[in-house]
Amino acid sequence: MNRVENVSKRKAVNLTADIELVELARSMGLNLSQVFEDGLKKAVWDERKRQWEDENREALDQYNRFVEENGVFSDGLRSF
């Protein structure tokens, strides 16, 4: 999907927020829709990352133990 298609697909949502915070953000010229979307993207990314790490915890732990015991292939190749 290209960026133009992505931008045109929007869903109106109703949200509630602290009135003073909303007024302050508006007085600063912040685009509340963009702020919401940026925050939602970050929250979704963080949750996907957390879920992936949970799903792969055993393999990650095994790999980390292997590296602790055996090092990595490049050990000794760098001179700094």
N, C-alpha and C. Protein backbone atom coordinates (compact mmCIF):
# COMPACT_ATOMS: atom_id res chain seq x y z
N MET A 1 0.85 -1.18 0.00
CA MET A 1 0.00 0.00 0.00
C MET A 1 0.89 1.23 0.00
N ASN A 2 0.66 2.13 -0.92
CA ASN A 2 1.50 3.33 -0.93
C ASN A 2 0.99 4.36 0.06
N ARG A 3 1.80 5.37 0.28
CA ARG A 3 1.50 6.38 1.32
C ARG A 3 0.19 7.12 1.03
N VAL A 4 -0.11 7.42 -0.24
CA VAL A 4 -1.33 8.14 -0.58
C VAL A 4 -2.56 7.32 -0.17
N GLU A 5 -2.54 6.02 -0.47
CA GLU A 5 -3.66 5.16 -0.08
C GLU A 5 -3.79 5.11 1.44
N ASN A 6 -2.67 5.01 2.12
CA ASN A 6 -2.66 4.92 3.58
C ASN A 6 -3.24 6.19 4.21
N VAL A 7 -2.89 7.36 3.70
CA VAL A 7 -3.35 8.62 4.25
C VAL A 7 -4.86 8.76 4.07
N SER A 8 -5.39 8.30 2.96
CA SER A 8 -6.81 8.51 2.68
C SER A 8 -7.71 7.61 3.50
N LYS A 9 -7.20 6.58 4.09
CA LYS A 9 -8.01 5.67 4.90
C LYS A 9 -8.00 6.13 6.34
N ARG A 10 -9.09 6.70 6.75
CA ARG A 10 -9.20 7.24 8.11
C ARG A 10 -10.48 6.74 8.74
N LYS A 11 -10.46 6.66 10.05
CA LYS A 11 -11.63 6.26 10.83
C LYS A 11 -11.84 7.30 11.91
N ALA A 12 -13.00 7.90 11.93
CA ALA A 12 -13.32 8.86 12.98
C ALA A 12 -13.55 8.10 14.28
N VAL A 13 -12.97 8.61 15.37
CA VAL A 13 -13.14 7.99 16.68
C VAL A 13 -13.49 9.06 17.70
N ASN A 14 -14.21 8.67 18.70
CA ASN A 14 -14.53 9.57 19.81
C ASN A 14 -13.60 9.26 20.96
N LEU A 15 -12.96 10.29 21.48
CA LEU A 15 -12.03 10.13 22.59
C LEU A 15 -12.38 11.11 23.68
N THR A 16 -11.95 10.79 24.88
CA THR A 16 -12.07 11.75 25.97
C THR A 16 -10.67 12.00 26.51
N ALA A 17 -10.46 13.25 26.93
CA ALA A 17 -9.16 13.64 27.48
C ALA A 17 -9.36 14.78 28.46
N ASP A 18 -8.38 14.97 29.29
CA ASP A 18 -8.40 16.06 30.26
C ASP A 18 -8.58 17.38 29.52
N ILE A 19 -9.60 18.14 29.89
CA ILE A 19 -9.96 19.37 29.17
C ILE A 19 -8.83 20.39 29.18
N GLU A 20 -8.14 20.55 30.31
CA GLU A 20 -7.04 21.52 30.37
C GLU A 20 -5.89 21.11 29.45
N LEU A 21 -5.64 19.82 29.37
CA LEU A 21 -4.58 19.32 28.49
C LEU A 21 -4.94 19.57 27.03
N VAL A 22 -6.19 19.30 26.68
CA VAL A 22 -6.65 19.53 25.31
C VAL A 22 -6.55 21.02 24.97
N GLU A 23 -6.99 21.88 25.85
CA GLU A 23 -6.93 23.33 25.60
C GLU A 23 -5.48 23.80 25.46
N LEU A 24 -4.60 23.28 26.29
CA LEU A 24 -3.20 23.65 26.20
C LEU A 24 -2.60 23.19 24.87
N ALA A 25 -2.88 21.96 24.48
CA ALA A 25 -2.37 21.43 23.22
C ALA A 25 -2.87 22.27 22.04
N ARG A 26 -4.14 22.62 22.06
CA ARG A 26 -4.71 23.44 20.98
C ARG A 26 -4.07 24.83 20.98
N SER A 27 -3.84 25.41 22.15
CA SER A 27 -3.22 26.74 22.21
C SER A 27 -1.79 26.70 21.68
N MET A 28 -1.17 25.54 21.72
CA MET A 28 0.18 25.38 21.19
C MET A 28 0.18 25.06 19.70
N GLY A 29 -1.02 24.91 19.14
CA GLY A 29 -1.13 24.64 17.71
C GLY A 29 -0.92 23.18 17.36
N LEU A 30 -1.00 22.30 18.34
CA LEU A 30 -0.81 20.87 18.07
C LEU A 30 -2.02 20.30 17.35
N ASN A 31 -1.77 19.44 16.40
CA ASN A 31 -2.82 18.74 15.69
C ASN A 31 -3.18 17.51 16.53
N LEU A 32 -4.31 17.55 17.20
CA LEU A 32 -4.68 16.47 18.11
C LEU A 32 -4.82 15.13 17.41
N SER A 33 -5.34 15.13 16.19
CA SER A 33 -5.46 13.88 15.45
C SER A 33 -4.09 13.27 15.18
N GLN A 34 -3.13 14.12 14.80
CA GLN A 34 -1.78 13.63 14.52
C GLN A 34 -1.09 13.15 15.79
N VAL A 35 -1.28 13.89 16.88
CA VAL A 35 -0.70 13.49 18.16
C VAL A 35 -1.25 12.13 18.57
N PHE A 36 -2.56 11.97 18.44
CA PHE A 36 -3.19 10.69 18.77
C PHE A 36 -2.64 9.57 17.89
N GLU A 37 -2.59 9.81 16.58
CA GLU A 37 -2.12 8.77 15.66
C GLU A 37 -0.66 8.40 15.93
N ASP A 38 0.18 9.40 16.18
CA ASP A 38 1.59 9.12 16.49
C ASP A 38 1.71 8.29 17.77
N GLY A 39 0.94 8.67 18.79
CA GLY A 39 0.98 7.92 20.05
C GLY A 39 0.45 6.51 19.88
N LEU A 40 -0.61 6.35 19.08
CA LEU A 40 -1.17 5.03 18.83
C LEU A 40 -0.18 4.15 18.07
N LYS A 41 0.50 4.71 17.08
CA LYS A 41 1.52 3.95 16.34
C LYS A 41 2.60 3.44 17.29
N LYS A 42 3.07 4.32 18.18
CA LYS A 42 4.11 3.92 19.12
C LYS A 42 3.60 2.84 20.06
N ALA A 43 2.38 2.99 20.56
CA ALA A 43 1.81 2.00 21.48
C ALA A 43 1.65 0.64 20.80
N VAL A 44 1.20 0.65 19.54
CA VAL A 44 1.04 -0.60 18.79
C VAL A 44 2.41 -1.23 18.55
N TRP A 45 3.40 -0.43 18.14
CA TRP A 45 4.75 -0.95 17.91
C TRP A 45 5.32 -1.56 19.20
N ASP A 46 5.18 -0.85 20.31
CA ASP A 46 5.70 -1.34 21.58
C ASP A 46 5.02 -2.64 21.98
N GLU A 47 3.72 -2.74 21.79
CA GLU A 47 2.99 -3.96 22.15
C GLU A 47 3.38 -5.12 21.24
N ARG A 48 3.52 -4.86 19.94
CA ARG A 48 3.98 -5.93 19.03
C ARG A 48 5.36 -6.44 19.44
N LYS A 49 6.24 -5.50 19.79
CA LYS A 49 7.59 -5.87 20.22
C LYS A 49 7.53 -6.73 21.49
N ARG A 50 6.70 -6.31 22.46
CA ARG A 50 6.58 -7.05 23.71
C ARG A 50 6.03 -8.45 23.44
N GLN A 51 5.02 -8.55 22.59
CA GLN A 51 4.44 -9.86 22.27
C GLN A 51 5.46 -10.75 21.57
N TRP A 52 6.22 -10.18 20.61
CA TRP A 52 7.23 -10.96 19.90
C TRP A 52 8.28 -11.48 20.87
N GLU A 53 8.73 -10.61 21.78
CA GLU A 53 9.72 -11.02 22.76
C GLU A 53 9.18 -12.12 23.67
N ASP A 54 7.91 -12.00 24.07
CA ASP A 54 7.29 -13.06 24.89
C ASP A 54 7.23 -14.38 24.13
N GLU A 55 6.82 -14.30 22.86
CA GLU A 55 6.69 -15.51 22.04
C GLU A 55 8.04 -16.16 21.76
N ASN A 56 9.09 -15.38 21.75
CA ASN A 56 10.42 -15.88 21.39
C ASN A 56 11.38 -15.91 22.58
N ARG A 57 10.86 -15.74 23.79
CA ARG A 57 11.70 -15.66 24.99
C ARG A 57 12.63 -16.86 25.10
N GLU A 58 12.11 -18.07 24.90
CA GLU A 58 12.94 -19.27 25.07
C GLU A 58 14.12 -19.26 24.10
N ALA A 59 13.86 -18.95 22.84
CA ALA A 59 14.94 -18.93 21.85
C ALA A 59 15.95 -17.82 22.16
N LEU A 60 15.47 -16.67 22.58
CA LEU A 60 16.37 -15.56 22.93
C LEU A 60 17.25 -15.94 24.11
N ASP A 61 16.65 -16.57 25.11
CA ASP A 61 17.42 -17.00 26.28
C ASP A 61 18.47 -18.05 25.89
N GLN A 62 18.08 -18.99 25.03
CA GLN A 62 19.03 -20.01 24.58
C GLN A 62 20.19 -19.38 23.83
N TYR A 63 19.89 -18.45 22.94
CA TYR A 63 20.94 -17.77 22.18
C TYR A 63 21.86 -17.00 23.12
N ASN A 64 21.30 -16.28 24.08
CA ASN A 64 22.13 -15.52 25.01
C ASN A 64 23.03 -16.44 25.84
N ARG A 65 22.50 -17.59 26.26
CA ARG A 65 23.34 -18.55 26.99
C ARG A 65 24.48 -19.06 26.09
N PHE A 66 24.17 -19.35 24.82
CA PHE A 66 25.18 -19.82 23.88
C PHE A 66 26.29 -18.79 23.74
N VAL A 67 25.92 -17.53 23.58
CA VAL A 67 26.91 -16.46 23.41
C VAL A 67 27.74 -16.31 24.68
N GLU A 68 27.11 -16.39 25.84
CA GLU A 68 27.85 -16.29 27.10
C GLU A 68 28.88 -17.41 27.22
N GLU A 69 28.50 -18.61 26.81
CA GLU A 69 29.39 -19.77 26.93
C GLU A 69 30.43 -19.84 25.82
N ASN A 70 30.07 -19.44 24.60
CA ASN A 70 30.93 -19.66 23.43
C ASN A 70 31.42 -18.39 22.76
N GLY A 71 30.87 -17.26 23.12
CA GLY A 71 31.22 -16.02 22.42
C GLY A 71 30.53 -15.97 21.07
N VAL A 72 30.95 -15.01 20.26
CA VAL A 72 30.40 -14.87 18.91
C VAL A 72 31.52 -15.07 17.91
N PHE A 73 31.15 -15.34 16.65
CA PHE A 73 32.14 -15.68 15.64
C PHE A 73 33.19 -14.60 15.44
N SER A 74 32.85 -13.35 15.71
CA SER A 74 33.80 -12.26 15.45
C SER A 74 34.71 -11.96 16.62
N ASP A 75 34.57 -12.69 17.73
CA ASP A 75 35.46 -12.45 18.87
C ASP A 75 36.92 -12.57 18.42
N GLY A 76 37.71 -11.60 18.78
CA GLY A 76 39.13 -11.63 18.43
C GLY A 76 39.46 -11.02 17.08
N LEU A 77 38.46 -10.70 16.28
CA LEU A 77 38.74 -10.13 14.97
C LEU A 77 38.91 -8.63 15.00
N ARG A 78 38.34 -7.99 15.97
CA ARG A 78 38.45 -6.53 16.06
C ARG A 78 39.65 -6.17 16.94
N SER A 79 40.25 -5.03 16.62
CA SER A 79 41.45 -4.64 17.36
C SER A 79 41.27 -3.35 18.14
N PHE A 80 40.05 -3.13 18.68
CA PHE A 80 39.87 -1.92 19.47
C PHE A 80 39.30 -2.21 20.81
